[in-house]
Protein backbone atom coordinates (compact mmCIF):
# COMPACT_ATOMS: atom_id res chain seq x y z
CA MET A 1 -38.60 13.21 -8.43
CA HIS A 2 -41.76 11.27 -9.30
CA THR A 3 -40.05 9.45 -12.21
CA VAL A 4 -37.30 7.99 -9.98
CA PHE A 5 -37.82 4.52 -8.52
CA ARG A 6 -36.05 2.46 -5.90
CA ILE A 7 -35.39 -1.17 -6.81
CA GLY A 8 -36.86 -3.49 -4.19
CA GLU A 9 -36.97 -7.28 -4.32
CA VAL A 10 -35.82 -9.02 -7.52
CA ARG A 11 -37.39 -12.44 -8.15
CA LYS A 12 -37.03 -14.92 -11.00
CA ILE A 13 -40.48 -15.77 -12.40
CA ASP A 14 -39.63 -19.48 -12.56
CA LYS A 15 -36.55 -21.68 -12.96
CA LYS A 16 -36.99 -22.19 -16.70
CA SER A 17 -37.86 -18.62 -17.64
CA PRO A 18 -35.16 -15.98 -18.25
CA LEU A 19 -37.61 -13.30 -16.96
CA TYR A 20 -37.40 -11.58 -13.58
CA GLU A 21 -39.99 -9.69 -11.58
CA VAL A 22 -38.62 -6.46 -10.12
CA GLU A 23 -40.41 -4.56 -7.37
CA LEU A 24 -40.19 -0.79 -7.99
CA LYS A 25 -41.00 1.75 -5.29
CA LEU A 26 -41.84 5.29 -6.35
CA THR A 27 -39.72 7.91 -4.59
CA SER A 28 -41.13 11.10 -3.14
CA ASP A 29 -39.85 14.67 -2.97
CA ASP A 30 -38.89 14.21 0.68
CA ASP A 31 -36.76 11.07 0.10
CA GLN A 32 -33.73 12.07 2.17
CA GLN A 33 -31.18 9.58 0.73
CA LEU A 34 -32.11 10.48 -2.85
CA ARG A 35 -31.95 14.17 -1.99
CA GLN A 36 -28.40 13.73 -0.60
CA LEU A 37 -27.36 11.80 -3.70
CA THR A 38 -28.71 14.38 -6.15
CA ASP A 39 -27.20 17.23 -4.13
CA ARG A 40 -23.83 15.46 -4.25
CA ILE A 41 -24.08 14.98 -8.02
CA ARG A 42 -24.95 18.67 -8.42
CA GLU A 43 -21.80 19.59 -6.46
CA GLU A 44 -19.62 17.33 -8.61
CA VAL A 45 -20.97 18.70 -11.90
CA ASP A 46 -21.18 22.36 -10.89
CA GLY A 47 -21.25 25.14 -13.44
CA SER A 48 -23.87 26.06 -15.98
CA GLY A 49 -24.99 25.40 -19.53
CA TRP A 50 -22.72 23.51 -21.92
CA TYR A 51 -19.81 23.44 -19.48
CA ARG A 52 -21.94 21.63 -16.92
CA LEU A 53 -23.03 19.14 -19.57
CA GLY A 54 -19.36 18.45 -20.39
CA LYS A 55 -18.56 17.62 -16.78
CA LEU A 56 -21.62 15.36 -16.57
CA LEU A 57 -20.50 13.49 -19.72
CA LEU A 58 -17.10 12.92 -18.11
CA LYS A 59 -18.77 11.75 -14.91
CA ILE A 60 -20.67 9.05 -16.82
CA SER A 61 -17.55 8.10 -18.88
CA GLN A 62 -18.86 9.43 -22.21
CA PHE A 63 -15.36 10.64 -23.13
CA ASP A 64 -15.81 10.89 -26.90
CA LYS A 65 -18.99 12.95 -26.52
CA ALA A 66 -17.32 15.19 -23.94
CA GLU A 67 -14.40 15.76 -26.31
CA GLU A 68 -16.77 16.58 -29.17
CA LEU A 69 -18.61 19.10 -26.98
CA TYR A 70 -15.48 20.84 -25.61
CA THR A 71 -13.91 21.01 -29.09
CA ALA A 72 -17.09 22.64 -30.43
CA LEU A 73 -17.08 25.13 -27.54
CA LEU A 74 -13.43 26.02 -28.18
CA LYS A 75 -13.87 27.11 -31.81
CA PRO A 76 -15.88 30.33 -31.26
CA THR A 77 -14.12 31.24 -27.99
CA SER A 78 -11.85 34.27 -27.90
CA ASN A 79 -11.91 34.84 -24.13
CA ASP A 80 -8.66 33.63 -22.52
CA SER A 81 -10.37 32.54 -19.31
CA ASP A 82 -12.84 30.37 -21.25
CA LYS A 83 -10.01 28.93 -23.35
CA ALA A 84 -8.03 27.98 -20.25
CA TYR A 85 -11.12 26.29 -18.82
CA ILE A 86 -11.82 24.31 -22.00
CA TYR A 87 -8.17 23.29 -22.46
CA TYR A 88 -8.20 22.02 -18.86
CA TRP A 89 -11.21 19.78 -19.46
CA LEU A 90 -9.91 18.59 -22.81
CA GLY A 91 -6.79 17.53 -20.91
CA TRP A 92 -9.03 15.62 -18.51
CA VAL A 93 -10.78 13.89 -21.44
CA LYS A 94 -7.49 12.84 -23.04
CA GLN A 95 -6.20 11.57 -19.71
CA ASP A 96 -9.28 9.38 -19.27
CA GLN A 97 -8.82 8.11 -22.84
CA GLY A 98 -5.25 7.07 -22.04
CA GLN A 99 -3.78 9.63 -24.47
CA TYR A 100 -1.29 11.04 -22.00
CA LYS A 101 0.87 13.16 -24.31
CA GLU A 102 -2.20 14.98 -25.62
CA ALA A 103 -3.52 15.38 -22.06
CA ALA A 104 -0.26 16.98 -20.91
CA SER A 105 -0.35 19.32 -23.92
CA PHE A 106 -3.89 20.56 -23.15
CA TYR A 107 -3.18 20.98 -19.43
CA GLU A 108 -0.03 22.96 -20.20
CA MET A 109 -1.93 25.23 -22.65
CA SER A 110 -4.44 25.88 -19.88
CA LEU A 111 -1.61 26.54 -17.39
CA LYS A 112 0.13 28.99 -19.75
CA ILE A 113 -3.02 31.13 -20.01
CA LYS A 114 -3.77 30.99 -16.28
CA ARG A 115 -0.25 32.07 -15.31
CA LYS A 116 -0.70 35.31 -17.29
CA THR A 117 -3.53 36.50 -15.07
CA LEU A 118 -3.28 34.61 -11.77
CA PRO A 119 -0.77 34.85 -8.91
CA GLU A 120 1.65 31.93 -8.61
CA ASP A 121 -0.04 30.67 -5.44
CA HIS A 122 -3.59 30.67 -6.82
CA PRO A 123 -5.52 27.44 -5.99
CA SER A 124 -6.57 27.06 -9.64
CA LEU A 125 -2.90 26.71 -10.60
CA GLY A 126 -2.51 24.09 -7.87
CA SER A 127 -5.24 21.93 -9.43
CA THR A 128 -3.66 22.19 -12.89
CA TYR A 129 -0.19 21.36 -11.54
CA SER A 130 -1.67 18.31 -9.81
CA ASN A 131 -3.35 17.06 -12.99
CA ILE A 132 -0.15 17.52 -15.00
CA GLY A 133 1.67 15.57 -12.29
CA GLN A 134 -0.81 12.71 -12.64
CA VAL A 135 -0.33 12.61 -16.43
CA TYR A 136 3.47 12.46 -16.11
CA ASN A 137 3.05 9.74 -13.48
CA ASP A 138 0.92 7.78 -15.99
CA MET A 139 3.59 8.39 -18.64
CA GLY A 140 6.28 6.99 -16.35
CA ASP A 141 8.15 10.31 -16.15
CA TYR A 142 8.43 10.26 -12.38
CA SER A 143 10.82 13.20 -11.96
CA LYS A 144 8.36 15.42 -13.90
CA ALA A 145 5.45 14.01 -11.92
CA LEU A 146 7.17 14.90 -8.64
CA GLU A 147 8.03 18.38 -9.91
CA PHE A 148 4.38 19.21 -10.66
CA TYR A 149 2.93 17.46 -7.61
CA GLU A 150 5.32 19.39 -5.36
CA LYS A 151 4.36 22.69 -7.03
CA SER A 152 0.74 21.85 -6.38
CA HIS A 153 1.52 20.86 -2.79
CA LYS A 154 3.31 24.15 -2.01
CA ILE A 155 0.27 26.10 -3.16
CA LYS A 156 -2.06 23.95 -1.06
CA GLU A 157 0.17 24.27 2.03
CA LYS A 158 -0.10 28.07 1.81
CA ALA A 159 -3.80 28.19 1.07
CA LEU A 160 -5.18 25.48 3.36
CA PRO A 161 -5.14 24.60 7.07
CA PRO A 162 -2.64 21.82 7.97
CA ASN A 163 -5.32 19.14 8.39
CA HIS A 164 -7.31 19.87 5.22
CA PRO A 165 -8.38 16.79 3.19
CA GLU A 166 -6.89 18.30 0.00
CA LEU A 167 -3.46 18.21 1.65
CA ALA A 168 -3.99 14.53 2.44
CA ILE A 169 -4.73 13.91 -1.25
CA SER A 170 -1.58 15.82 -2.15
CA TYR A 171 0.56 13.67 0.16
CA ASN A 172 -1.07 10.59 -1.32
CA ASN A 173 -0.22 11.67 -4.88
CA ILE A 174 3.45 12.17 -4.00
CA GLY A 175 3.50 8.83 -2.19
CA GLN A 176 2.10 7.18 -5.30
CA VAL A 177 5.02 8.45 -7.40
CA TYR A 178 7.63 7.25 -4.90
CA ASN A 179 5.88 3.86 -4.83
CA ASN A 180 6.11 3.68 -8.63
CA MET A 181 9.80 4.60 -8.43
CA GLY A 182 10.43 1.76 -5.97
CA ASP A 183 11.39 4.20 -3.21
CA TYR A 184 9.21 2.46 -0.66
CA SER A 185 10.47 4.23 2.45
CA LYS A 186 9.59 7.61 0.87
CA ALA A 187 6.24 6.25 -0.31
CA LEU A 188 5.44 5.16 3.26
CA GLU A 189 6.48 8.56 4.61
CA PHE A 190 3.96 10.38 2.40
CA TYR A 191 1.19 7.79 2.68
CA GLU A 192 1.49 8.01 6.47
CA LYS A 193 1.15 11.82 6.30
CA ASP A 194 -2.00 11.27 4.26
CA LEU A 195 -3.25 8.77 6.87
CA GLU A 196 -2.44 11.12 9.77
CA ILE A 197 -4.66 13.87 8.33
CA THR A 198 -7.37 11.48 7.18
CA LYS A 199 -7.67 9.95 10.69
CA LYS A 200 -8.11 13.43 12.18
CA VAL A 201 -10.75 14.77 9.83
CA LEU A 202 -12.85 11.68 9.10
CA PRO A 203 -14.85 9.33 11.31
CA PRO A 204 -13.14 5.96 11.98
CA ASN A 205 -15.51 4.10 9.62
CA HIS A 206 -15.19 6.46 6.65
CA PRO A 207 -14.39 4.72 3.31
CA ASP A 208 -11.64 7.27 2.51
CA LEU A 209 -9.77 6.12 5.62
CA ALA A 210 -9.98 2.59 4.25
CA SER A 211 -8.30 3.83 1.05
CA SER A 212 -5.41 5.29 3.06
CA TYR A 213 -4.85 1.98 4.87
CA ASN A 214 -5.07 0.23 1.51
CA ASP A 215 -2.28 2.34 -0.02
CA ILE A 216 0.05 1.60 2.89
CA GLY A 217 -0.77 -2.11 2.54
CA ALA A 218 0.22 -1.95 -1.13
CA VAL A 219 3.66 -0.55 -0.26
CA TYR A 220 4.30 -3.30 2.29
CA LYS A 221 3.24 -5.85 -0.33
CA ASN A 222 5.80 -4.39 -2.76
CA MET A 223 8.42 -4.58 0.00
CA GLY A 224 7.65 -8.27 0.46
CA ASP A 225 6.49 -7.64 4.04
CA TYR A 226 3.36 -9.72 3.63
CA SER A 227 2.32 -9.78 7.31
CA LYS A 228 2.32 -5.94 7.41
CA ALA A 229 0.52 -5.81 4.05
CA LEU A 230 -2.22 -8.09 5.40
CA GLU A 231 -2.47 -5.99 8.58
CA PHE A 232 -3.24 -2.81 6.64
CA TYR A 233 -5.40 -4.48 3.99
CA GLU A 234 -7.48 -6.05 6.78
CA LYS A 235 -7.89 -2.66 8.50
CA SER A 236 -9.16 -1.34 5.19
CA LEU A 237 -11.50 -4.31 4.79
CA GLN A 238 -12.92 -3.94 8.33
CA ILE A 239 -13.92 -0.34 7.62
CA ARG A 240 -15.46 -1.21 4.27
CA GLU A 241 -17.41 -4.12 5.74
CA LYS A 242 -18.94 -1.73 8.32
CA ALA A 243 -19.45 1.30 6.10
CA LEU A 244 -20.48 -0.19 2.76
CA PRO A 245 -23.21 -2.50 1.50
CA SER A 246 -22.19 -6.15 1.13
CA ASN A 247 -22.02 -5.90 -2.67
CA HIS A 248 -20.03 -2.66 -2.95
CA PRO A 249 -17.17 -2.65 -5.53
CA ASP A 250 -14.71 -1.29 -2.92
CA LEU A 251 -15.31 -4.41 -0.83
CA ALA A 252 -14.49 -6.48 -3.89
CA SER A 253 -11.29 -4.44 -4.23
CA SER A 254 -10.30 -5.26 -0.64
CA TYR A 255 -10.87 -8.98 -1.20
CA ASN A 256 -8.79 -8.70 -4.36
CA ASN A 257 -5.89 -7.01 -2.53
CA ILE A 258 -5.83 -9.63 0.23
CA GLY A 259 -6.01 -12.37 -2.39
CA GLY A 260 -2.98 -10.82 -4.09
CA VAL A 261 -0.90 -11.07 -0.91
CA TYR A 262 -1.79 -14.73 -0.41
CA ASN A 263 -1.00 -15.36 -4.08
CA ASN A 264 2.48 -13.85 -3.62
CA MET A 265 2.98 -15.98 -0.51
CA GLY A 266 2.07 -19.09 -2.49
CA ASP A 267 -0.99 -19.79 -0.31
CA TYR A 268 -3.17 -20.49 -3.33
CA SER A 269 -6.23 -21.83 -1.50
CA LYS A 270 -6.46 -18.55 0.48
CA ALA A 271 -5.82 -16.57 -2.69
CA PHE A 272 -8.70 -18.37 -4.43
CA GLU A 273 -10.97 -17.77 -1.43
CA PHE A 274 -10.52 -13.99 -1.57
CA TYR A 275 -10.37 -13.67 -5.36
CA GLU A 276 -13.65 -15.59 -5.65
CA LYS A 277 -15.27 -13.23 -3.10
CA ASP A 278 -14.09 -10.35 -5.29
CA LEU A 279 -15.48 -12.01 -8.43
CA GLU A 280 -18.82 -12.84 -6.76
CA ILE A 281 -19.45 -9.17 -5.93
CA THR A 282 -18.08 -7.84 -9.19
CA LYS A 283 -20.34 -10.08 -11.30
CA LYS A 284 -23.39 -8.92 -9.34
CA VAL A 285 -22.86 -5.17 -9.39
CA LEU A 286 -21.07 -4.44 -12.65
CA PRO A 287 -22.06 -4.93 -16.29
CA SER A 288 -20.58 -7.95 -18.05
CA ASN A 289 -18.12 -5.77 -19.99
CA HIS A 290 -16.77 -3.70 -17.08
CA PRO A 291 -12.94 -3.46 -16.78
CA SER A 292 -13.04 -4.43 -13.08
CA LEU A 293 -14.66 -7.73 -14.01
CA ALA A 294 -11.86 -8.31 -16.52
CA SER A 295 -9.34 -7.69 -13.75
CA SER A 296 -11.08 -10.21 -11.47
CA TYR A 297 -10.85 -12.94 -14.11
CA ASN A 298 -7.20 -12.06 -14.71
CA ASN A 299 -6.36 -12.40 -11.01
CA ILE A 300 -7.83 -15.89 -10.81
CA GLY A 301 -5.87 -16.69 -13.96
CA GLN A 302 -2.69 -15.57 -12.20
CA VAL A 303 -3.26 -18.05 -9.35
CA TYR A 304 -3.68 -20.89 -11.85
CA PHE A 305 -0.55 -19.64 -13.61
CA ASN A 306 1.46 -19.76 -10.38
CA MET A 307 0.12 -23.27 -9.73
CA GLY A 308 1.35 -24.30 -13.19
CA ASP A 309 -2.17 -24.89 -14.56
CA TYR A 310 -1.57 -22.90 -17.73
CA SER A 311 -4.68 -24.02 -19.60
CA LYS A 312 -6.93 -22.59 -16.85
CA ALA A 313 -4.77 -19.48 -16.60
CA LEU A 314 -5.23 -18.99 -20.33
CA ALA A 315 -9.00 -19.52 -20.13
CA TYR A 316 -9.44 -16.85 -17.43
CA SER A 317 -7.08 -14.47 -19.22
CA LYS A 318 -9.14 -14.81 -22.39
CA LYS A 319 -12.25 -13.77 -20.44
CA ASP A 320 -10.31 -10.73 -19.23
CA PHE A 321 -9.16 -9.92 -22.76
CA GLU A 322 -12.63 -10.20 -24.32
CA ILE A 323 -14.00 -7.64 -21.88
CA THR A 324 -11.02 -5.30 -22.17
CA LYS A 325 -11.26 -5.28 -25.98
CA GLN A 326 -14.91 -4.23 -25.80
CA VAL A 327 -14.44 -1.24 -23.52
CA LEU A 328 -11.11 0.25 -24.62
CA PRO A 329 -9.92 1.70 -27.93
CA GLU A 330 -7.46 -0.56 -29.75
CA ASN A 331 -4.42 1.57 -28.89
CA HIS A 332 -5.27 2.26 -25.22
CA PRO A 333 -2.23 1.62 -22.96
CA ASP A 334 -4.26 -0.65 -20.64
CA LEU A 335 -4.93 -3.02 -23.54
CA ALA A 336 -1.21 -3.81 -23.56
CA PHE A 337 -1.45 -5.60 -20.21
CA PRO A 338 -3.56 -8.56 -21.43
CA TYR A 339 -1.11 -9.09 -24.30
CA ASN A 340 1.75 -8.98 -21.79
CA TRP A 341 -0.01 -11.54 -19.61
CA PHE A 342 -0.70 -13.83 -22.59
CA GLY A 343 2.99 -13.57 -23.40
CA LYS A 344 3.93 -14.72 -19.89
CA ILE A 345 1.54 -17.69 -20.04
CA TYR A 346 2.70 -18.84 -23.48
CA ARG A 347 6.32 -18.39 -22.37
CA SER A 348 5.69 -20.73 -19.43
CA MET A 349 3.91 -23.18 -21.74
CA LYS A 350 7.07 -23.05 -23.91
CA ASP A 351 5.02 -21.86 -26.87
CA TYR A 352 7.66 -19.25 -27.65
CA PRO A 353 6.32 -18.02 -31.03
CA LYS A 354 2.97 -17.14 -29.41
CA ALA A 355 4.72 -15.59 -26.44
CA LEU A 356 6.81 -13.44 -28.77
CA ASP A 357 3.75 -12.42 -30.80
CA ASN A 358 1.88 -11.22 -27.71
CA PHE A 359 4.85 -9.39 -26.19
CA GLU A 360 5.35 -7.62 -29.53
CA LYS A 361 1.66 -6.58 -29.61
CA CYS A 362 2.09 -5.24 -26.09
CA LEU A 363 5.19 -3.29 -27.17
CA ALA A 364 3.41 -1.85 -30.24
CA ILE A 365 0.59 -0.41 -28.10
CA TRP A 366 2.96 1.12 -25.55
CA GLN A 367 5.12 2.63 -28.29
CA LYS A 368 2.07 4.36 -29.82
CA ALA A 369 0.67 5.59 -26.52
CA SER A 370 3.80 6.58 -24.59
CA PRO A 371 7.07 8.50 -24.95
CA GLU A 372 9.92 6.42 -26.37
CA ASN A 373 11.68 6.28 -22.99
CA HIS A 374 8.66 5.10 -20.96
CA PRO A 375 9.54 2.39 -18.39
CA ASP A 376 6.76 0.16 -19.77
CA ILE A 377 8.51 0.10 -23.16
CA ALA A 378 11.72 -1.01 -21.44
CA PHE A 379 9.72 -3.72 -19.65
CA ALA A 380 8.37 -4.98 -23.00
CA PHE A 381 11.88 -5.02 -24.52
CA SER A 382 13.07 -7.06 -21.53
CA ASN A 383 10.26 -9.62 -21.93
CA ILE A 384 10.97 -10.00 -25.65
CA GLY A 385 14.64 -10.47 -24.85
CA ASP A 386 13.78 -13.17 -22.31
CA VAL A 387 11.76 -15.14 -24.91
CA HIS A 388 14.67 -14.97 -27.35
CA ARG A 389 16.91 -16.32 -24.56
CA LEU A 390 14.57 -19.26 -24.02
CA MET A 391 14.54 -19.92 -27.77
CA GLY A 392 18.35 -19.96 -27.76
CA ASN A 393 18.56 -16.73 -29.80
CA TYR A 394 21.12 -15.25 -27.44
CA GLU A 395 22.33 -12.42 -29.70
CA LYS A 396 18.75 -11.19 -30.19
CA ALA A 397 18.13 -11.54 -26.47
CA LEU A 398 21.12 -9.32 -25.73
CA VAL A 399 19.92 -6.70 -28.23
CA PHE A 400 16.49 -6.40 -26.56
CA HIS A 401 17.86 -6.43 -23.02
CA GLN A 402 20.26 -3.67 -24.02
CA LYS A 403 17.36 -1.65 -25.47
CA ALA A 404 15.63 -2.02 -22.11
CA LEU A 405 18.75 -0.88 -20.24
CA ASN A 406 19.20 2.14 -22.52
CA ILE A 407 15.86 3.40 -21.19
CA GLN A 408 16.17 2.23 -17.59
CA GLU A 409 19.68 3.59 -17.02
CA ASN A 410 18.86 7.00 -18.50
CA VAL A 411 15.45 7.94 -17.06
CA GLN A 412 14.24 8.21 -13.49
CA CYS A 413 12.28 4.98 -13.26
CA ASN A 414 11.93 2.25 -10.67
CA PRO A 415 15.49 0.89 -10.11
CA LEU A 416 13.98 -2.53 -9.42
CA GLU A 417 12.94 -2.74 -13.09
CA CYS A 418 16.55 -2.08 -14.04
CA ALA A 419 17.62 -4.80 -11.59
CA LEU A 420 15.32 -7.29 -13.35
CA THR A 421 16.94 -6.50 -16.71
CA TYR A 422 20.41 -7.02 -15.21
CA ILE A 423 19.28 -10.40 -13.88
CA ASN A 424 17.78 -11.36 -17.26
CA LEU A 425 21.07 -10.41 -18.90
CA GLY A 426 22.89 -12.49 -16.31
CA GLU A 427 20.71 -15.51 -17.16
CA THR A 428 21.40 -15.00 -20.88
CA TYR A 429 25.17 -14.89 -20.37
CA ARG A 430 24.97 -17.87 -17.98
CA GLU A 431 23.28 -19.96 -20.67
CA MET A 432 25.91 -18.74 -23.15
CA LYS A 433 28.49 -20.07 -20.62
CA ASP A 434 30.02 -16.60 -20.29
CA TYR A 435 30.08 -16.99 -16.52
CA SER A 436 32.18 -13.96 -15.60
CA THR A 437 29.87 -11.57 -17.48
CA ALA A 438 26.82 -13.36 -16.08
CA LEU A 439 28.14 -12.92 -12.53
CA THR A 440 28.75 -9.20 -13.15
CA TYR A 441 25.09 -8.70 -14.10
CA PHE A 442 23.76 -10.86 -11.26
CA GLU A 443 25.81 -8.75 -8.83
CA LYS A 444 24.46 -5.51 -10.33
CA GLY A 445 20.89 -6.77 -9.98
CA LEU A 446 21.52 -8.05 -6.47
CA GLU A 447 23.09 -4.76 -5.36
CA ILE A 448 19.98 -2.79 -6.37
CA ARG A 449 17.59 -5.28 -4.78
CA GLU A 450 19.59 -5.35 -1.53
CA LYS A 451 19.45 -1.54 -1.36
CA LYS A 452 15.76 -1.22 -2.21
CA LEU A 453 14.21 -4.28 -0.58
CA PRO A 454 14.15 -5.81 2.92
CA LYS A 455 16.82 -8.48 3.44
CA ASN A 456 14.22 -11.29 3.41
CA HIS A 457 12.34 -10.24 0.25
CA PRO A 458 11.52 -13.19 -2.07
CA ASP A 459 13.03 -11.32 -5.06
CA LEU A 460 16.45 -11.55 -3.37
CA ALA A 461 16.04 -15.31 -3.19
CA VAL A 462 15.64 -15.42 -6.99
CA VAL A 463 19.07 -13.81 -7.50
CA TYR A 464 20.71 -16.04 -4.88
CA HIS A 465 19.28 -19.06 -6.70
CA ASN A 466 20.52 -17.87 -10.11
CA THR A 467 23.96 -17.21 -8.64
CA ALA A 468 23.99 -20.64 -7.01
CA LYS A 469 23.29 -22.28 -10.39
CA LEU A 470 26.17 -20.29 -11.90
CA TYR A 471 28.61 -21.43 -9.19
CA LEU A 472 27.34 -25.01 -9.59
CA ALA A 473 28.15 -24.84 -13.33
CA THR A 474 31.66 -23.54 -12.57
CA ARG A 475 32.20 -26.20 -9.83
CA LYS A 476 32.56 -23.64 -7.04
CA TYR A 477 30.41 -25.74 -4.76
CA SER A 478 31.00 -23.91 -1.48
CA MET A 479 29.88 -20.59 -3.06
CA ALA A 480 26.95 -22.38 -4.71
CA MET A 481 25.90 -23.80 -1.32
CA LYS A 482 26.19 -20.41 0.40
CA ASN A 483 23.85 -18.79 -2.15
CA ILE A 484 21.31 -21.61 -2.29
CA GLN A 485 21.08 -21.67 1.50
CA GLN A 486 20.25 -17.95 1.47
CA ALA A 487 17.57 -18.56 -1.17
CA VAL A 488 16.00 -21.46 0.75
CA GLU A 489 16.11 -19.56 4.06
CA ILE A 490 14.18 -16.59 2.60
CA ALA A 491 11.69 -18.78 0.77
CA GLN A 492 10.96 -20.85 3.88
CA GLU A 493 10.27 -17.67 5.85
CA LYS A 494 8.17 -15.80 3.26
CA LEU A 495 6.54 -18.45 1.04
CA SER A 496 4.27 -21.43 1.58
CA SER A 497 5.78 -24.92 1.80
CA THR A 498 4.31 -25.80 -1.62
CA HIS A 499 5.40 -22.64 -3.44
CA PRO A 500 7.06 -23.55 -6.80
CA HIS A 501 10.07 -21.32 -6.06
CA LEU A 502 10.79 -23.03 -2.75
CA LEU A 503 10.50 -26.47 -4.36
CA GLU A 504 12.88 -25.40 -7.14
CA TYR A 505 15.41 -24.01 -4.64
CA LYS A 506 15.33 -27.26 -2.64
CA GLU A 507 15.94 -29.23 -5.83
CA THR A 508 19.00 -27.09 -6.63
CA PHE A 509 20.16 -27.46 -3.01
CA GLU A 510 20.13 -31.27 -3.40
CA LYS A 511 22.10 -31.08 -6.66
CA ILE A 512 24.78 -28.96 -4.99
CA ARG A 513 24.85 -31.14 -1.84
CA LYS A 514 25.50 -34.25 -3.95
CA LYS A 515 28.45 -32.55 -5.65
CA MET A 516 30.16 -31.56 -2.39
């Protein structure tokens, strides 16, 4: 270990110079912390020879080199066991590259070989089922994801004691799918099973316990129960503050999550406070082109967006985009998100041609990377339709919203995404003055949201407000007042007094009051 150094104090030579003086301390063979670290790395990249090198390349995110190595190893291989192993790791490579269809194909080739020689309850099959489940989850095929996660879980239940950490991971995976589907009560059920095991087998300050609290916080955030979300996010943060160094990326993640709740609540000063803590750590510990740094810039941009400061939102989003472009291939699914965000900003700035251009770039990436019925593709169609509505191109808007519905009504996706498309359609028909059709779609959207969300969720207030505007246009003032009162009541309970939605609802309330 004599070539390994610890970094001590870092000092700038002087204010004008860009040079730093770094104190290096030579490690010794009996350095206990270094020994634990190297032993852990050895465990994570077990195996021998070329196979071990492949796992190490994946560990350090050298995906292209890992793919090149595994492909070279596959060519001379005739042994079925070796083939299954290589297909498995090629699936892993493709999954990390965001090429989910190819990943599923490799995993399934590995599974086909394994099932010829292994019993149906073999732990190796459980791992492969779990990875296939994760790929289908990434692809937005949630029914398939559940099918494979549940197969994996059954194997683990037979093979492992009831409080084994692997079972906790399995519960967490299933909870993640239900969360993506918008079935929040089911998501909580499985996340709480994960937490129950994790609390038993880990010390109270273990970082993995913080992750379990974090997942539960995320579900409450999605449910619009912001006080509960903060409760669990703060439990997660308390553990991380005790267990991790002050500049650890997971601490930054906790600050980011809490900032996100305050952003949703419209408490922008608090949101800034936590997002800036996240950014401060992230800039210190990660390279300037790391995706997490891009995400931090994007989050601050979102606060400015919600405050209506679109120029600053755009500036931070461009920082995010510059980083993301550097680290991802041009057709990676995650590159679609910056384009989507640019589209939202330009839409709010009423620069509709630029909004349309960015939403179409987003759609093009998702269409290349995902199956044609992926929920993200439906989401892109819906956004494009909404821009056409704002431009007054109502027929085009209807075409794109219908494309979105054709996916959302025929695959097992998050019903709340379908509800949003119904509401967008309702807005389109309202602006076309086809009020009866508009009301039909508002009611469809509202029905889903009332089933899936708590009765005081801010997303319900949006539909009540839209419906109130419809009744105002048709001079049904008592119905308009009933709906706007519901919108204002929810917003006053869940949002800050300066939140743009609450201010808009109050403005509509005054318009209706003056007509009565």
